[in-house]
């Protein structure tokens, strides 16, 4: 019985570490399932916690870039490039979501999944003359990139200043 409990505890701890610190081994869907299981076992609760949802527009084709350029003359366009396999990208994105407070009427917010749309990501670099990084935020106004930042330098207050 003791051996069984030790193996179970080891499994739970290993699973927690994998889910918490490695986006490569554990996607968000699995993370929620496993962490939900751990919460049931250890009495954690997610009740009362609201998940913040941003007004993402999905950037999935190169043809959308011309639309982004033309719309940028009327209102600010923000592109968030994210690698779903990179834990640093996940951390930066969570921080971005948590701190994002730009009114929806002031800016369009695009989400670019780098792994599924690599060619679109390459074209973003060419279209707006920015070097590829991941994670990365690019702010477009009047047809050109006026701000770009990556990793831990991504700050929503800087974007808000540009609007």
N, C-alpha and C. Protein backbone atom coordinates (compact mmCIF):
# COMPACT_ATOMS: atom_id res chain seq x y z
N UNK A 1 0.82 -1.20 0.00
CA UNK A 1 0.00 0.00 0.00
C UNK A 1 0.87 1.26 0.00
N UNK A 2 1.93 1.27 0.81
CA UNK A 2 2.83 2.42 0.88
C UNK A 2 3.52 2.63 -0.46
N UNK A 3 3.95 1.54 -1.10
CA UNK A 3 4.61 1.64 -2.40
C UNK A 3 3.65 2.24 -3.43
N UNK A 4 2.41 1.79 -3.41
CA UNK A 4 1.40 2.33 -4.33
C UNK A 4 1.21 3.83 -4.11
N UNK A 5 1.12 4.27 -2.87
CA UNK A 5 0.95 5.70 -2.56
C UNK A 5 2.16 6.50 -3.00
N UNK A 6 3.37 5.98 -2.78
CA UNK A 6 4.58 6.68 -3.21
C UNK A 6 4.61 6.85 -4.72
N UNK A 7 4.24 5.79 -5.46
CA UNK A 7 4.20 5.89 -6.91
C UNK A 7 3.13 6.88 -7.36
N UNK A 8 2.00 6.88 -6.71
CA UNK A 8 0.92 7.80 -7.05
C UNK A 8 1.33 9.24 -6.79
N UNK A 9 1.94 9.49 -5.67
CA UNK A 9 2.41 10.85 -5.34
C UNK A 9 3.46 11.30 -6.34
N UNK A 10 4.39 10.41 -6.69
CA UNK A 10 5.42 10.74 -7.68
C UNK A 10 4.77 11.09 -9.02
N UNK A 11 3.78 10.29 -9.43
CA UNK A 11 3.07 10.53 -10.69
C UNK A 11 2.38 11.89 -10.67
N UNK A 12 1.70 12.21 -9.61
CA UNK A 12 0.96 13.47 -9.49
C UNK A 12 1.93 14.65 -9.53
N UNK A 13 3.03 14.55 -8.81
CA UNK A 13 4.03 15.64 -8.80
C UNK A 13 4.63 15.79 -10.19
N UNK A 14 4.99 14.69 -10.84
CA UNK A 14 5.56 14.75 -12.18
C UNK A 14 4.59 15.37 -13.16
N UNK A 15 3.35 14.97 -13.08
CA UNK A 15 2.31 15.50 -13.95
C UNK A 15 2.12 16.99 -13.73
N UNK A 16 2.14 17.41 -12.49
CA UNK A 16 2.00 18.83 -12.16
C UNK A 16 3.14 19.64 -12.77
N UNK A 17 4.36 19.16 -12.62
CA UNK A 17 5.53 19.86 -13.15
C UNK A 17 5.45 19.94 -14.67
N UNK A 18 5.11 18.83 -15.32
CA UNK A 18 5.00 18.83 -16.77
C UNK A 18 3.94 19.81 -17.25
N UNK A 19 2.79 19.79 -16.63
CA UNK A 19 1.70 20.66 -17.06
C UNK A 19 1.98 22.12 -16.78
N UNK A 20 2.62 22.40 -15.69
CA UNK A 20 2.83 23.78 -15.28
C UNK A 20 3.97 24.44 -16.05
N UNK A 21 5.02 23.69 -16.34
CA UNK A 21 6.23 24.30 -16.87
C UNK A 21 6.58 23.92 -18.30
N UNK A 22 5.82 23.09 -18.95
CA UNK A 22 6.22 22.69 -20.29
C UNK A 22 5.04 22.66 -21.24
N UNK A 23 4.94 23.69 -22.07
CA UNK A 23 3.88 23.74 -23.06
C UNK A 23 4.10 22.66 -24.13
N UNK A 24 5.34 22.20 -24.29
CA UNK A 24 5.63 21.18 -25.30
C UNK A 24 5.00 19.85 -24.92
N UNK A 25 5.06 19.49 -23.66
CA UNK A 25 4.54 18.20 -23.22
C UNK A 25 3.07 18.24 -22.85
N UNK A 26 2.55 19.42 -22.63
CA UNK A 26 1.18 19.49 -22.11
C UNK A 26 0.47 20.70 -22.69
N UNK A 27 -0.49 20.47 -23.54
CA UNK A 27 -1.22 21.58 -24.11
C UNK A 27 -2.16 22.16 -23.06
N UNK A 28 -2.72 23.32 -23.36
CA UNK A 28 -3.62 23.95 -22.39
C UNK A 28 -4.81 23.06 -22.08
N UNK A 29 -5.34 22.37 -23.08
CA UNK A 29 -6.49 21.51 -22.84
C UNK A 29 -6.11 20.41 -21.86
N UNK A 30 -4.98 19.75 -22.08
CA UNK A 30 -4.55 18.71 -21.16
C UNK A 30 -4.25 19.30 -19.79
N UNK A 31 -3.65 20.48 -19.79
CA UNK A 31 -3.30 21.14 -18.54
C UNK A 31 -4.56 21.34 -17.69
N UNK A 32 -5.63 21.80 -18.29
CA UNK A 32 -6.86 22.02 -17.55
C UNK A 32 -7.45 20.71 -17.06
N UNK A 33 -7.37 19.67 -17.90
CA UNK A 33 -7.90 18.37 -17.49
C UNK A 33 -7.08 17.83 -16.33
N UNK A 34 -5.76 17.82 -16.46
CA UNK A 34 -4.92 17.27 -15.40
C UNK A 34 -4.98 18.10 -14.13
N UNK A 35 -4.93 19.42 -14.28
CA UNK A 35 -4.99 20.26 -13.09
C UNK A 35 -6.37 20.14 -12.45
N UNK A 36 -7.41 19.93 -13.25
CA UNK A 36 -8.74 19.69 -12.69
C UNK A 36 -8.76 18.42 -11.87
N UNK A 37 -8.08 17.38 -12.37
CA UNK A 37 -7.97 16.13 -11.63
C UNK A 37 -7.22 16.35 -10.32
N UNK A 38 -6.12 17.09 -10.39
CA UNK A 38 -5.34 17.37 -9.18
C UNK A 38 -6.14 18.20 -8.18
N UNK A 39 -6.92 19.16 -8.69
CA UNK A 39 -7.76 19.96 -7.80
C UNK A 39 -8.80 19.09 -7.10
N UNK A 40 -9.35 18.11 -7.81
CA UNK A 40 -10.31 17.20 -7.19
C UNK A 40 -9.64 16.36 -6.11
N UNK A 41 -8.43 15.89 -6.39
CA UNK A 41 -7.72 15.05 -5.43
C UNK A 41 -7.33 15.86 -4.19
N UNK A 42 -6.79 17.06 -4.41
CA UNK A 42 -6.24 17.84 -3.30
C UNK A 42 -7.15 18.97 -2.83
N UNK A 43 -8.35 19.05 -3.38
CA UNK A 43 -9.33 20.01 -2.86
C UNK A 43 -9.20 21.42 -3.40
N UNK A 44 -8.44 21.63 -4.47
CA UNK A 44 -8.35 22.97 -5.05
C UNK A 44 -9.65 23.33 -5.73
N UNK A 45 -9.86 24.60 -5.95
CA UNK A 45 -11.11 25.04 -6.55
C UNK A 45 -10.84 26.12 -7.59
N UNK A 46 -11.57 26.05 -8.69
CA UNK A 46 -11.49 27.10 -9.69
C UNK A 46 -12.79 27.89 -9.74
N UNK A 47 -13.70 27.58 -8.84
CA UNK A 47 -14.97 28.29 -8.81
C UNK A 47 -14.74 29.74 -8.43
N UNK A 48 -15.48 30.62 -9.06
CA UNK A 48 -15.37 32.04 -8.75
C UNK A 48 -14.27 32.74 -9.54
N UNK A 49 -13.42 31.98 -10.25
CA UNK A 49 -12.38 32.58 -11.05
C UNK A 49 -12.89 32.73 -12.47
N UNK A 50 -12.83 33.96 -12.98
CA UNK A 50 -13.25 34.20 -14.35
C UNK A 50 -12.03 34.24 -15.24
N UNK A 51 -12.13 33.58 -16.38
CA UNK A 51 -11.06 33.60 -17.35
C UNK A 51 -11.27 34.78 -18.28
N UNK A 52 -10.27 35.63 -18.42
CA UNK A 52 -10.37 36.81 -19.27
C UNK A 52 -10.27 36.38 -20.73
N UNK A 53 -11.20 36.83 -21.54
CA UNK A 53 -11.22 36.50 -22.95
C UNK A 53 -11.04 37.79 -23.75
N UNK A 54 -10.03 37.79 -24.61
CA UNK A 54 -9.77 38.97 -25.43
C UNK A 54 -10.51 38.86 -26.77
N UNK A 55 -10.75 40.00 -27.41
CA UNK A 55 -11.48 39.99 -28.68
C UNK A 55 -10.56 39.64 -29.86
N UNK A 56 -9.98 38.44 -29.83
CA UNK A 56 -9.03 38.02 -30.85
C UNK A 56 -9.68 37.91 -32.23
N UNK A 57 -8.96 38.36 -33.23
CA UNK A 57 -9.26 38.07 -34.63
C UNK A 57 -8.12 37.15 -35.07
N UNK A 58 -8.44 36.06 -35.71
CA UNK A 58 -7.40 35.09 -36.05
C UNK A 58 -6.75 35.43 -37.39
N UNK A 59 -5.44 35.58 -37.36
CA UNK A 59 -4.66 35.89 -38.56
C UNK A 59 -4.20 34.56 -39.16
N UNK A 60 -4.82 34.18 -40.26
CA UNK A 60 -4.58 32.85 -40.83
C UNK A 60 -4.16 32.88 -42.30
N UNK A 61 -4.19 34.06 -42.93
CA UNK A 61 -3.79 34.11 -44.34
C UNK A 61 -3.02 35.39 -44.63
N UNK A 62 -2.17 35.29 -45.62
CA UNK A 62 -1.36 36.44 -46.02
C UNK A 62 -2.22 37.57 -46.58
N UNK A 63 -3.36 37.22 -47.15
CA UNK A 63 -4.24 38.25 -47.72
C UNK A 63 -4.79 39.19 -46.65
N UNK A 64 -4.86 38.73 -45.41
CA UNK A 64 -5.34 39.59 -44.32
C UNK A 64 -4.39 40.74 -44.02
N UNK A 65 -3.14 40.62 -44.41
CA UNK A 65 -2.15 41.66 -44.09
C UNK A 65 -2.46 42.97 -44.81
N UNK A 66 -2.94 42.89 -46.05
CA UNK A 66 -3.35 44.11 -46.76
C UNK A 66 -4.54 44.77 -46.06
N UNK A 67 -5.45 43.95 -45.58
CA UNK A 67 -6.61 44.45 -44.83
C UNK A 67 -6.14 45.14 -43.54
N UNK A 68 -5.18 44.54 -42.86
CA UNK A 68 -4.64 45.12 -41.63
C UNK A 68 -3.99 46.46 -41.93
N UNK A 69 -3.21 46.52 -43.01
CA UNK A 69 -2.56 47.78 -43.40
C UNK A 69 -3.60 48.86 -43.66
N UNK A 70 -4.62 48.54 -44.45
CA UNK A 70 -5.62 49.57 -44.79
C UNK A 70 -6.45 49.98 -43.58
N UNK A 71 -6.81 49.04 -42.72
CA UNK A 71 -7.57 49.37 -41.52
C UNK A 71 -6.75 50.19 -40.52
N UNK A 72 -5.42 50.09 -40.61
CA UNK A 72 -4.56 50.80 -39.66
C UNK A 72 -4.59 52.31 -39.85
N UNK A 73 -5.13 52.78 -40.96
CA UNK A 73 -5.27 54.22 -41.16
C UNK A 73 -6.47 54.77 -40.38
N UNK A 74 -7.39 53.88 -40.01
CA UNK A 74 -8.59 54.29 -39.27
C UNK A 74 -8.48 54.00 -37.78
N UNK A 75 -7.87 52.86 -37.43
CA UNK A 75 -7.68 52.50 -36.03
C UNK A 75 -6.48 51.57 -35.89
N UNK A 76 -5.95 51.53 -34.72
CA UNK A 76 -4.74 50.76 -34.45
C UNK A 76 -4.98 49.27 -34.62
N UNK A 77 -3.98 48.60 -35.20
CA UNK A 77 -4.02 47.15 -35.40
C UNK A 77 -2.89 46.53 -34.57
N UNK A 78 -3.21 45.50 -33.81
CA UNK A 78 -2.23 44.84 -32.94
C UNK A 78 -2.16 43.37 -33.34
N UNK A 79 -0.95 42.89 -33.57
CA UNK A 79 -0.73 41.48 -33.93
C UNK A 79 0.08 40.83 -32.82
N UNK A 80 -0.44 39.73 -32.27
CA UNK A 80 0.29 38.95 -31.27
C UNK A 80 0.69 37.63 -31.92
N UNK A 81 2.00 37.43 -32.08
CA UNK A 81 2.53 36.19 -32.66
C UNK A 81 2.91 35.26 -31.50
N UNK A 82 2.38 34.04 -31.54
CA UNK A 82 2.54 33.11 -30.43
C UNK A 82 2.94 31.72 -30.91
N UNK A 83 3.93 31.14 -30.24
CA UNK A 83 4.31 29.75 -30.50
C UNK A 83 3.71 28.89 -29.39
N UNK A 84 2.82 28.00 -29.77
CA UNK A 84 2.13 27.18 -28.78
C UNK A 84 3.03 26.12 -28.15
N UNK A 85 4.23 25.91 -28.67
CA UNK A 85 5.15 24.94 -28.08
C UNK A 85 6.16 25.57 -27.12
N UNK A 86 6.19 26.87 -27.08
CA UNK A 86 7.22 27.57 -26.29
C UNK A 86 6.65 28.03 -24.95
N UNK A 87 7.26 27.58 -23.88
CA UNK A 87 6.76 27.97 -22.55
C UNK A 87 6.94 29.46 -22.29
N UNK A 88 8.00 30.06 -22.80
CA UNK A 88 8.20 31.51 -22.62
C UNK A 88 7.11 32.27 -23.36
N UNK A 89 6.76 31.79 -24.55
CA UNK A 89 5.68 32.41 -25.30
C UNK A 89 4.36 32.31 -24.54
N UNK A 90 4.11 31.18 -23.91
CA UNK A 90 2.89 31.00 -23.12
C UNK A 90 2.86 31.94 -21.92
N UNK A 91 3.99 32.09 -21.26
CA UNK A 91 4.08 33.00 -20.12
C UNK A 91 3.82 34.44 -20.57
N UNK A 92 4.46 34.83 -21.67
CA UNK A 92 4.26 36.19 -22.19
C UNK A 92 2.82 36.44 -22.61
N UNK A 93 2.22 35.43 -23.23
CA UNK A 93 0.84 35.58 -23.65
C UNK A 93 -0.10 35.70 -22.45
N UNK A 94 0.11 34.89 -21.43
CA UNK A 94 -0.72 34.98 -20.23
C UNK A 94 -0.60 36.35 -19.58
N UNK A 95 0.61 36.87 -19.53
CA UNK A 95 0.84 38.21 -18.96
C UNK A 95 0.14 39.27 -19.83
N UNK A 96 0.24 39.11 -21.15
CA UNK A 96 -0.40 40.04 -22.08
C UNK A 96 -1.91 40.04 -21.88
N UNK A 97 -2.50 38.86 -21.82
CA UNK A 97 -3.95 38.73 -21.63
C UNK A 97 -4.37 39.35 -20.31
N UNK A 98 -3.63 39.05 -19.26
CA UNK A 98 -3.96 39.57 -17.93
C UNK A 98 -3.94 41.10 -17.90
N UNK A 99 -2.97 41.71 -18.59
CA UNK A 99 -2.80 43.16 -18.52
C UNK A 99 -3.48 43.93 -19.64
N UNK A 100 -4.05 43.24 -20.62
CA UNK A 100 -4.67 43.90 -21.76
C UNK A 100 -5.92 44.66 -21.32
N UNK A 101 -5.91 45.96 -21.57
CA UNK A 101 -7.05 46.78 -21.16
C UNK A 101 -7.41 47.81 -22.22
N UNK A 102 -7.13 47.49 -23.46
CA UNK A 102 -7.42 48.41 -24.56
C UNK A 102 -8.87 48.20 -25.00
N UNK A 103 -9.67 49.27 -25.03
CA UNK A 103 -11.06 49.12 -25.45
C UNK A 103 -11.16 48.56 -26.87
N UNK A 104 -12.11 47.69 -27.08
CA UNK A 104 -12.26 47.00 -28.36
C UNK A 104 -12.47 47.99 -29.52
N UNK A 105 -13.11 49.12 -29.24
CA UNK A 105 -13.35 50.09 -30.31
C UNK A 105 -12.09 50.88 -30.69
N UNK A 106 -11.02 50.75 -29.91
CA UNK A 106 -9.79 51.51 -30.19
C UNK A 106 -8.77 50.73 -31.00
N UNK A 107 -8.86 49.41 -31.00
CA UNK A 107 -7.86 48.61 -31.71
C UNK A 107 -8.42 47.24 -32.07
N UNK A 108 -7.93 46.72 -33.21
CA UNK A 108 -8.21 45.34 -33.58
C UNK A 108 -7.04 44.49 -33.11
N UNK A 109 -7.34 43.36 -32.51
CA UNK A 109 -6.32 42.49 -31.92
C UNK A 109 -6.28 41.17 -32.68
N UNK A 110 -5.15 40.91 -33.33
CA UNK A 110 -4.99 39.68 -34.12
C UNK A 110 -4.10 38.69 -33.38
N UNK A 111 -4.47 37.42 -33.50
CA UNK A 111 -3.70 36.31 -32.93
C UNK A 111 -3.14 35.49 -34.08
N UNK A 112 -1.82 35.30 -34.07
CA UNK A 112 -1.16 34.50 -35.10
C UNK A 112 -0.48 33.31 -34.46
N UNK A 113 -0.94 32.12 -34.77
CA UNK A 113 -0.36 30.86 -34.30
C UNK A 113 0.80 30.53 -35.24
N UNK A 114 2.01 30.70 -34.74
CA UNK A 114 3.20 30.54 -35.58
C UNK A 114 3.37 29.13 -36.13
N UNK A 115 3.03 28.15 -35.37
CA UNK A 115 3.25 26.77 -35.80
C UNK A 115 2.33 26.38 -36.95
N UNK A 116 1.11 26.85 -36.92
CA UNK A 116 0.15 26.50 -37.98
C UNK A 116 0.20 27.44 -39.18
N UNK A 117 0.72 28.65 -38.98
CA UNK A 117 0.72 29.65 -40.05
C UNK A 117 2.09 30.30 -40.19
N UNK A 118 3.10 29.49 -40.36
CA UNK A 118 4.48 29.99 -40.45
C UNK A 118 4.67 30.93 -41.64
N UNK A 119 4.07 30.61 -42.78
CA UNK A 119 4.23 31.47 -43.96
C UNK A 119 3.61 32.85 -43.72
N UNK A 120 2.51 32.88 -42.97
CA UNK A 120 1.89 34.17 -42.64
C UNK A 120 2.82 34.96 -41.73
N UNK A 121 3.45 34.28 -40.78
CA UNK A 121 4.39 34.95 -39.89
C UNK A 121 5.57 35.54 -40.67
N UNK A 122 6.08 34.78 -41.62
CA UNK A 122 7.18 35.28 -42.46
C UNK A 122 6.74 36.52 -43.23
N UNK A 123 5.53 36.49 -43.75
CA UNK A 123 5.03 37.62 -44.53
C UNK A 123 4.79 38.85 -43.65
N UNK A 124 4.40 38.65 -42.39
CA UNK A 124 4.25 39.77 -41.45
C UNK A 124 5.58 40.51 -41.33
N UNK A 125 6.66 39.76 -41.22
CA UNK A 125 7.99 40.37 -41.14
C UNK A 125 8.32 41.21 -42.36
N UNK A 126 8.01 40.68 -43.54
CA UNK A 126 8.27 41.42 -44.79
C UNK A 126 7.36 42.63 -44.91
N UNK A 127 6.09 42.44 -44.65
CA UNK A 127 5.10 43.52 -44.84
C UNK A 127 5.34 44.70 -43.92
N UNK A 128 5.77 44.42 -42.69
CA UNK A 128 5.91 45.50 -41.70
C UNK A 128 7.35 45.77 -41.30
N UNK A 129 8.30 45.16 -42.01
CA UNK A 129 9.73 45.40 -41.81
C UNK A 129 10.16 45.18 -40.36
N UNK A 130 9.76 44.03 -39.79
CA UNK A 130 10.18 43.67 -38.45
C UNK A 130 10.82 42.28 -38.49
N UNK A 131 11.82 42.12 -37.66
CA UNK A 131 12.49 40.82 -37.57
C UNK A 131 11.61 39.84 -36.81
N UNK A 132 11.55 38.61 -37.30
CA UNK A 132 10.73 37.59 -36.65
C UNK A 132 11.23 37.27 -35.25
N UNK A 133 10.30 37.25 -34.30
CA UNK A 133 10.57 36.80 -32.94
C UNK A 133 9.32 36.10 -32.44
N UNK A 134 9.46 35.34 -31.40
CA UNK A 134 8.31 34.66 -30.80
C UNK A 134 8.55 34.50 -29.31
N UNK A 135 7.61 34.96 -28.56
CA UNK A 135 6.40 35.69 -28.89
C UNK A 135 6.74 37.11 -29.32
N UNK A 136 5.81 37.74 -30.00
CA UNK A 136 6.05 39.09 -30.48
C UNK A 136 4.73 39.83 -30.63
N UNK A 137 4.76 41.12 -30.29
CA UNK A 137 3.62 42.01 -30.53
C UNK A 137 4.07 43.07 -31.51
N UNK A 138 3.23 43.32 -32.50
CA UNK A 138 3.49 44.35 -33.51
C UNK A 138 2.27 45.26 -33.55
N UNK A 139 2.51 46.55 -33.41
CA UNK A 139 1.44 47.55 -33.48
C UNK A 139 1.56 48.26 -34.82
N UNK A 140 0.46 48.29 -35.58
CA UNK A 140 0.46 48.88 -36.91
C UNK A 140 -0.48 50.09 -36.92
N UNK A 141 0.09 51.23 -37.37
CA UNK A 141 -0.68 52.46 -37.53
C UNK A 141 -0.26 53.09 -38.85
N UNK A 142 -1.23 53.61 -39.58
CA UNK A 142 -0.96 54.29 -40.86
C UNK A 142 -0.11 53.43 -41.80
N UNK A 143 -0.39 52.13 -41.81
CA UNK A 143 0.26 51.23 -42.76
C UNK A 143 1.63 50.72 -42.39
N UNK A 144 2.13 51.10 -41.22
CA UNK A 144 3.48 50.63 -40.85
C UNK A 144 3.56 50.28 -39.37
N UNK A 145 4.55 49.45 -39.05
CA UNK A 145 4.76 49.05 -37.66
C UNK A 145 5.35 50.23 -36.89
N UNK A 146 4.68 50.61 -35.81
CA UNK A 146 5.17 51.72 -34.98
C UNK A 146 5.75 51.20 -33.66
N UNK A 147 5.54 49.92 -33.38
CA UNK A 147 6.04 49.33 -32.15
C UNK A 147 6.09 47.82 -32.34
N UNK A 148 7.18 47.23 -31.87
CA UNK A 148 7.21 45.78 -31.78
C UNK A 148 8.09 45.41 -30.60
N UNK A 149 7.67 44.36 -29.92
CA UNK A 149 8.40 43.89 -28.75
C UNK A 149 8.25 42.38 -28.67
N UNK A 150 9.21 41.76 -28.00
CA UNK A 150 9.12 40.31 -27.88
C UNK A 150 9.47 39.88 -26.46
N UNK A 151 9.11 38.65 -26.19
CA UNK A 151 9.38 37.99 -24.91
C UNK A 151 8.86 38.83 -23.74
N UNK A 152 9.72 39.08 -22.77
CA UNK A 152 9.28 39.78 -21.56
C UNK A 152 9.20 41.29 -21.74
N UNK A 153 9.59 41.80 -22.91
CA UNK A 153 9.49 43.24 -23.17
C UNK A 153 8.10 43.65 -23.64
N UNK A 154 7.22 42.69 -23.87
CA UNK A 154 5.86 43.00 -24.31
C UNK A 154 5.10 43.66 -23.17
N UNK A 155 4.64 44.90 -23.41
CA UNK A 155 3.93 45.65 -22.38
C UNK A 155 2.70 46.32 -22.97
N UNK A 156 1.55 46.00 -22.40
CA UNK A 156 0.30 46.56 -22.93
C UNK A 156 0.19 48.06 -22.70
N UNK A 157 0.83 48.59 -21.67
CA UNK A 157 0.76 50.04 -21.44
C UNK A 157 1.47 50.81 -22.55
N UNK A 158 2.50 50.24 -23.13
CA UNK A 158 3.19 50.88 -24.27
C UNK A 158 2.27 50.94 -25.47
N UNK A 159 1.50 49.84 -25.68
CA UNK A 159 0.56 49.81 -26.80
C UNK A 159 -0.53 50.86 -26.58
N UNK A 160 -1.02 50.95 -25.37
CA UNK A 160 -2.07 51.91 -25.04
C UNK A 160 -1.61 53.36 -25.30
N UNK A 161 -0.35 53.64 -25.05
CA UNK A 161 0.20 54.99 -25.31
C UNK A 161 0.15 55.35 -26.79
N UNK A 162 0.23 54.33 -27.66
CA UNK A 162 0.28 54.58 -29.10
C UNK A 162 -1.10 54.78 -29.73
N UNK A 163 -2.13 54.49 -29.00
CA UNK A 163 -3.48 54.58 -29.58
C UNK A 163 -3.99 56.00 -29.55
